[in-house]
Amino acid sequence: MNRSRIFCLFLLLLVLGAFTLIAPVSAQGVSFSATTKATLPWDAVPSPDGSTIYYTAFAKHGTPAVFSVPAAGGDATVLASGPPLVMPLGLDVSSDGKTLYVADPWTAGADGNAVFAVSTAGGSTPTAVAGTQGTAPQGVTVVGDQLYFSGINPSNAGQAAIYKIAVGGASDATIVTQGTRLIAPSGLAVAKDGTVYVLDRLASGNGLGAVLRVQSNKVDTIASDVRTGGQMAGITLTLDESTLLVSSLDKTAGTAQVLAITLSTMQPSIINDVIKVNTAAGGLHRAHDANIFAWADSSAGPAGGRVYTIKFA
């Protein structure tokens, strides 16, 4: 790609308000688009093939809802709205693309504070996943036939915890880790070998978060003093699992960025071209089968936020 084409692409991205990945990948083979506007989008995830983006946000009149929209942009469709959903924060999709799993820490009643299953086809009431009730879940991610989520252990004085459960909720949730290293665990990313990466919104103290790695029952910090962008904090892995992407804000300016951590060296890079115009940062997920990502600019107010689609080779 020559210099003039790169410059033209850059201008086009500025016009679209798109999310530009400048590192660690090359600009060649990369395309970007701002998929849709939304009111306080908390989290967003692509379908397994990346053709559709699902997200949680407010519908009209402040009703919490789950939406779908074509990744190329277009009209959003409401898949579920209102009770039992109150504050649908975390979101991921099953490996077969048929079911969305929505973490809502605020719902009340017998099935309150649960991970809910929502059909990607829409038209059905969200159903609490057995074994997740009462855990005040926030972040959620699906790896194969396992559903991981962050929340609290109601049996241990509400201590922060990370759980996993078989997709479909056929058995009780198992605690992956809990304890004093976890303060406010939010977004999760899980590697194929079972290593869990957690973006904890308050683990560094003084209102700053940290990226924690849970491996063989050991929890260590791989990035500290991370300023997260709100109630939902996103984290995900690239398809080859070489790089961890962390949704965050610049600590001084408060503008949106993505922290990219090369896991082989633990070398961090800052990705902020174009998205630094935003002042909120929400969920971040990768499609199961492709290097296609969805990122939520979780802004509120009359202008609302945006949900972005990111593709690269």
Protein backbone atom coordinates (compact mmCIF):
# COMPACT_ATOMS: atom_id res chain seq x y z
CA MET A 1 0.00 0.00 0.00
CA ASN A 2 1.60 3.33 -1.05
CA ARG A 3 1.73 6.49 1.04
CA SER A 4 -1.14 8.23 -0.77
CA ARG A 5 -3.51 5.28 -0.24
CA ILE A 6 -2.60 5.08 3.45
CA PHE A 7 -3.26 8.81 3.81
CA CYS A 8 -6.63 8.52 2.07
CA LEU A 9 -7.59 5.59 4.29
CA PHE A 10 -6.65 7.62 7.35
CA LEU A 11 -8.85 10.53 6.24
CA LEU A 12 -11.73 8.15 5.60
CA LEU A 13 -11.42 6.71 9.10
CA LEU A 14 -11.49 10.17 10.61
CA VAL A 15 -14.73 10.94 8.76
CA LEU A 16 -16.32 7.68 9.92
CA GLY A 17 -15.23 8.18 13.51
CA ALA A 18 -13.88 4.65 13.36
CA PHE A 19 -11.71 2.72 15.77
CA THR A 20 -8.21 2.42 14.32
CA LEU A 21 -5.85 -0.31 15.46
CA ILE A 22 -2.34 1.09 14.96
CA ALA A 23 -0.45 -1.59 16.87
CA PRO A 24 0.48 -4.36 17.13
CA VAL A 25 -0.95 -5.15 13.66
CA SER A 26 -0.02 -3.70 10.30
CA ALA A 27 -2.32 -1.18 8.61
CA GLN A 28 -2.53 -3.46 5.60
CA GLY A 29 -5.64 -5.62 5.50
CA VAL A 30 -7.39 -3.63 8.23
CA SER A 31 -10.88 -2.16 7.96
CA PHE A 32 -12.84 -0.19 10.53
CA SER A 33 -16.38 1.03 11.00
CA ALA A 34 -18.57 2.73 13.60
CA THR A 35 -21.48 0.29 13.49
CA THR A 36 -24.24 2.10 15.34
CA LYS A 37 -25.11 4.76 17.90
CA ALA A 38 -26.54 3.64 21.24
CA THR A 39 -27.50 5.05 24.63
CA LEU A 40 -24.99 3.88 27.23
CA PRO A 41 -23.80 0.70 25.47
CA TRP A 42 -22.16 -1.39 28.18
CA ASP A 43 -20.79 -4.31 26.20
CA ALA A 44 -20.62 -5.58 22.61
CA VAL A 45 -19.67 -8.87 20.97
CA PRO A 46 -19.55 -10.12 17.37
CA SER A 47 -21.31 -13.27 16.21
CA PRO A 48 -18.87 -16.20 15.77
CA ASP A 49 -18.22 -15.25 12.14
CA GLY A 50 -18.26 -11.51 12.82
CA SER A 51 -21.20 -10.69 10.55
CA THR A 52 -23.46 -9.42 13.35
CA ILE A 53 -22.76 -7.31 16.42
CA TYR A 54 -24.74 -7.81 19.63
CA TYR A 55 -24.73 -5.22 22.38
CA THR A 56 -26.41 -4.20 25.62
CA ALA A 57 -27.70 -0.64 26.06
CA PHE A 58 -30.81 1.37 26.84
CA ALA A 59 -33.74 1.30 24.44
CA LYS A 60 -36.34 4.06 24.28
CA HIS A 61 -37.59 5.50 27.57
CA GLY A 62 -34.56 4.12 29.42
CA THR A 63 -35.51 0.45 29.10
CA PRO A 64 -32.50 -1.90 29.37
CA ALA A 65 -32.20 -4.09 26.31
CA VAL A 66 -30.13 -6.44 24.19
CA PHE A 67 -29.71 -5.52 20.51
CA SER A 68 -28.33 -6.90 17.27
CA VAL A 69 -27.05 -4.91 14.30
CA PRO A 70 -25.23 -5.89 11.09
CA ALA A 71 -21.47 -5.48 11.49
CA ALA A 72 -21.46 -3.37 8.33
CA GLY A 73 -23.95 -0.98 9.96
CA GLY A 74 -27.71 -0.59 9.66
CA ASP A 75 -30.83 -0.64 11.79
CA ALA A 76 -30.57 -2.23 15.23
CA THR A 77 -33.05 -4.91 16.30
CA VAL A 78 -34.18 -5.35 19.92
CA LEU A 79 -33.79 -8.98 20.94
CA ALA A 80 -34.96 -8.58 24.54
CA SER A 81 -35.90 -5.62 26.72
CA GLY A 82 -37.23 -4.83 30.16
CA PRO A 83 -37.71 -7.27 33.05
CA PRO A 84 -36.02 -9.37 34.16
CA LEU A 85 -33.17 -7.20 32.82
CA VAL A 86 -32.27 -4.16 34.90
CA MET A 87 -28.60 -3.44 34.17
CA PRO A 88 -27.33 -5.87 31.53
CA LEU A 89 -23.57 -5.29 31.74
CA GLY A 90 -21.54 -8.20 30.39
CA LEU A 91 -22.35 -10.03 27.17
CA ASP A 92 -21.00 -12.91 25.10
CA VAL A 93 -22.35 -15.35 22.54
CA SER A 94 -22.24 -19.14 22.47
CA SER A 95 -19.83 -20.89 20.12
CA ASP A 96 -22.72 -21.96 17.88
CA GLY A 97 -24.05 -18.40 17.70
CA LYS A 98 -27.54 -19.30 18.93
CA THR A 99 -27.48 -17.97 22.49
CA LEU A 100 -26.36 -14.75 24.12
CA TYR A 101 -25.28 -14.79 27.76
CA VAL A 102 -26.03 -11.55 29.58
CA ALA A 103 -24.65 -10.71 33.03
CA ASP A 104 -27.03 -8.55 35.09
CA PRO A 105 -25.94 -7.79 38.68
CA TRP A 106 -29.04 -5.78 39.61
CA THR A 107 -32.05 -7.93 38.83
CA ALA A 108 -34.34 -8.84 41.72
CA GLY A 109 -36.51 -11.79 42.63
CA ALA A 110 -35.88 -15.52 42.71
CA ASP A 111 -33.83 -15.41 39.51
CA GLY A 112 -32.14 -12.09 40.28
CA ASN A 113 -28.44 -11.29 40.05
CA ALA A 114 -27.84 -13.86 37.37
CA VAL A 115 -26.43 -14.61 33.96
CA PHE A 116 -29.35 -14.74 31.53
CA ALA A 117 -29.66 -16.69 28.30
CA VAL A 118 -31.18 -14.78 25.36
CA SER A 119 -31.86 -16.26 21.93
CA THR A 120 -30.00 -14.49 19.12
CA ALA A 121 -33.21 -14.91 17.10
CA GLY A 122 -35.08 -12.70 19.59
CA GLY A 123 -38.70 -13.05 20.59
CA SER A 124 -38.17 -14.81 23.91
CA THR A 125 -37.88 -13.77 27.55
CA PRO A 126 -34.37 -13.93 29.06
CA THR A 127 -33.94 -17.02 31.22
CA ALA A 128 -31.62 -17.19 34.23
CA VAL A 129 -28.84 -19.75 33.84
CA ALA A 130 -29.22 -22.20 36.73
CA GLY A 131 -26.30 -21.96 39.12
CA THR A 132 -25.57 -18.28 38.47
CA GLN A 133 -28.29 -16.68 40.61
CA GLY A 134 -27.21 -14.41 43.44
CA THR A 135 -23.66 -13.94 42.15
CA ALA A 136 -24.11 -10.32 40.93
CA PRO A 137 -22.33 -11.16 37.66
CA GLN A 138 -20.62 -8.45 35.62
CA GLY A 139 -18.26 -9.78 32.95
CA VAL A 140 -18.95 -12.93 30.97
CA THR A 141 -17.11 -14.90 28.28
CA VAL A 142 -17.68 -18.23 26.54
CA VAL A 143 -14.85 -20.61 25.66
CA GLY A 144 -15.98 -23.82 23.98
CA ASP A 145 -18.58 -25.41 26.24
CA GLN A 146 -17.63 -23.35 29.30
CA LEU A 147 -19.17 -20.09 30.45
CA TYR A 148 -16.92 -17.90 32.65
CA PHE A 149 -18.22 -14.94 34.61
CA SER A 150 -17.08 -12.48 37.28
CA GLY A 151 -19.15 -11.64 40.33
CA ILE A 152 -19.35 -12.31 44.05
CA ASN A 153 -19.58 -15.39 46.25
CA PRO A 154 -22.78 -14.91 48.27
CA SER A 155 -21.75 -17.81 50.52
CA ASN A 156 -18.54 -16.05 51.54
CA ALA A 157 -19.64 -12.58 52.64
CA GLY A 158 -19.93 -11.37 49.06
CA GLN A 159 -16.25 -11.84 48.29
CA ALA A 160 -15.29 -11.13 44.67
CA ALA A 161 -14.95 -14.28 42.59
CA ILE A 162 -14.50 -15.73 39.11
CA TYR A 163 -16.73 -18.67 38.15
CA LYS A 164 -17.11 -21.15 35.35
CA ILE A 165 -20.09 -23.33 34.47
CA ALA A 166 -20.99 -25.64 31.62
CA VAL A 167 -22.88 -23.85 28.85
CA GLY A 168 -26.55 -24.50 29.47
CA GLY A 169 -26.12 -24.44 33.24
CA ALA A 170 -26.34 -28.21 33.67
CA SER A 171 -24.45 -28.07 36.97
CA ASP A 172 -23.50 -25.66 39.72
CA ALA A 173 -20.95 -22.97 38.96
CA THR A 174 -17.37 -23.71 40.03
CA ILE A 175 -15.19 -21.01 41.58
CA VAL A 176 -12.03 -20.50 39.55
CA THR A 177 -10.56 -18.08 42.06
CA GLN A 178 -11.64 -15.72 44.81
CA GLY A 179 -9.87 -13.73 47.45
CA THR A 180 -8.20 -10.50 48.34
CA ARG A 181 -6.48 -10.03 44.96
CA LEU A 182 -9.93 -9.52 43.43
CA ILE A 183 -11.70 -6.26 44.27
CA ALA A 184 -14.11 -5.49 41.43
CA PRO A 185 -13.54 -8.04 38.65
CA SER A 186 -15.23 -7.10 35.40
CA GLY A 187 -14.22 -8.24 31.89
CA LEU A 188 -12.72 -11.68 31.28
CA ALA A 189 -10.67 -13.35 28.57
CA VAL A 190 -9.80 -17.05 28.69
CA ALA A 191 -7.07 -18.74 26.65
CA LYS A 192 -7.40 -22.25 25.24
CA ASP A 193 -5.08 -23.59 27.97
CA GLY A 194 -7.45 -22.30 30.65
CA THR A 195 -5.47 -19.20 31.65
CA VAL A 196 -7.93 -16.51 32.74
CA TYR A 197 -7.24 -12.81 32.27
CA VAL A 198 -9.32 -10.47 34.40
CA LEU A 199 -9.72 -6.71 34.17
CA ASP A 200 -10.39 -5.67 37.76
CA ARG A 201 -11.67 -2.09 37.92
CA LEU A 202 -10.22 -1.30 41.37
CA ALA A 203 -7.34 -3.74 41.95
CA SER A 204 -4.58 -1.09 41.86
CA GLY A 205 -6.20 1.18 44.44
CA ASN A 206 -6.92 4.91 44.19
CA GLY A 207 -9.72 4.21 41.72
CA LEU A 208 -7.41 2.48 39.24
CA GLY A 209 -7.69 -1.05 37.91
CA ALA A 210 -5.34 -3.86 37.00
CA VAL A 211 -5.09 -6.78 34.61
CA LEU A 212 -4.75 -10.04 36.55
CA ARG A 213 -3.72 -13.44 35.25
CA VAL A 214 -5.13 -16.58 36.87
CA GLN A 215 -3.03 -19.61 36.05
CA SER A 216 -2.71 -22.91 37.96
CA ASN A 217 -4.46 -21.43 41.02
CA LYS A 218 -1.98 -18.54 41.07
CA VAL A 219 -3.07 -14.92 40.57
CA ASP A 220 -0.53 -12.33 39.44
CA THR A 221 -0.71 -8.78 38.11
CA ILE A 222 0.47 -8.20 34.54
CA ALA A 223 -0.63 -4.55 34.21
CA SER A 224 -1.38 -2.07 36.98
CA ASP A 225 -2.74 1.47 37.31
CA VAL A 226 -5.24 0.95 34.49
CA ARG A 227 -7.96 3.59 34.33
CA THR A 228 -11.14 1.84 33.31
CA GLY A 229 -14.07 3.53 31.67
CA GLY A 230 -17.07 2.71 33.80
CA GLN A 231 -19.07 -0.11 35.30
CA MET A 232 -18.17 -2.52 32.49
CA ALA A 233 -14.49 -2.94 31.63
CA GLY A 234 -13.58 -4.96 28.53
CA ILE A 235 -10.71 -7.31 27.76
CA THR A 236 -10.11 -9.87 25.02
CA LEU A 237 -7.46 -11.91 23.20
CA THR A 238 -6.49 -11.87 19.55
CA LEU A 239 -7.30 -15.06 17.64
CA ASP A 240 -3.73 -16.39 17.94
CA GLU A 241 -3.74 -15.44 21.65
CA SER A 242 -0.50 -13.49 21.22
CA THR A 243 -1.95 -10.15 22.33
CA LEU A 244 -4.29 -9.11 25.10
CA LEU A 245 -6.45 -6.07 24.35
CA VAL A 246 -7.73 -3.98 27.27
CA SER A 247 -10.43 -1.31 26.98
CA SER A 248 -9.34 1.67 29.06
CA LEU A 249 -8.90 5.44 29.38
CA ASP A 250 -5.83 7.66 29.34
CA LYS A 251 -5.03 8.24 33.01
CA THR A 252 -4.56 11.98 32.59
CA ALA A 253 -6.80 13.04 29.70
CA GLY A 254 -9.60 10.56 30.35
CA THR A 255 -9.89 9.74 26.65
CA ALA A 256 -10.54 6.27 25.24
CA GLN A 257 -7.72 3.92 24.37
CA VAL A 258 -6.92 0.24 24.14
CA LEU A 259 -3.95 -1.16 25.99
CA ALA A 260 -2.37 -3.91 23.85
CA ILE A 261 -0.14 -6.29 25.81
CA THR A 262 2.13 -8.62 23.83
CA LEU A 263 2.01 -11.68 26.07
CA SER A 264 5.36 -13.15 25.04
CA THR A 265 7.19 -10.07 26.31
CA MET A 266 4.53 -8.31 28.41
CA GLN A 267 5.34 -5.22 26.36
CA PRO A 268 2.39 -2.78 26.36
CA SER A 269 1.33 -0.53 23.49
CA ILE A 270 -1.28 2.20 23.47
CA ILE A 271 -3.92 2.23 20.71
CA ASN A 272 -5.79 5.52 20.67
CA ASP A 273 -5.92 6.87 17.12
CA VAL A 274 -9.43 8.21 16.37
CA ILE A 275 -11.09 6.63 19.43
CA LYS A 276 -9.37 9.18 21.66
CA VAL A 277 -12.26 11.52 20.81
CA ASN A 278 -14.40 9.33 23.09
CA THR A 279 -14.41 9.72 26.85
CA ALA A 280 -15.86 6.36 27.85
CA ALA A 281 -14.72 2.78 27.35
CA GLY A 282 -16.87 -0.29 27.83
CA GLY A 283 -16.83 -3.92 26.78
CA LEU A 284 -14.50 -5.45 24.21
CA HIS A 285 -14.86 -8.92 22.65
CA ARG A 286 -13.52 -10.92 19.71
CA ALA A 287 -15.55 -13.14 17.43
CA HIS A 288 -15.00 -16.83 18.20
CA ASP A 289 -13.77 -17.68 14.71
CA ALA A 290 -12.16 -14.51 13.36
CA ASN A 291 -10.04 -11.47 14.22
CA ILE A 292 -13.17 -9.32 14.26
CA PHE A 293 -13.87 -7.32 17.39
CA ALA A 294 -16.65 -5.24 18.90
CA TRP A 295 -15.97 -2.37 21.26
CA ALA A 296 -18.45 -0.22 23.17
CA ASP A 297 -17.98 3.50 23.76
CA SER A 298 -20.19 3.47 26.84
CA SER A 299 -21.19 7.12 26.78
CA ALA A 300 -24.49 8.30 28.22
CA GLY A 301 -26.41 11.53 27.77
CA PRO A 302 -28.23 12.95 24.72
CA ALA A 303 -25.35 12.17 22.34
CA GLY A 304 -25.14 8.59 23.54
CA GLY A 305 -22.26 6.30 22.65
CA ARG A 306 -21.19 4.16 19.72
CA VAL A 307 -20.59 0.50 19.07
CA TYR A 308 -17.62 -0.20 16.82
CA THR A 309 -16.64 -3.10 14.57
CA ILE A 310 -12.93 -3.75 14.00
CA LYS A 311 -11.52 -6.19 11.45
CA PHE A 312 -7.94 -7.05 10.63
CA ALA A 313 -6.06 -9.85 8.92
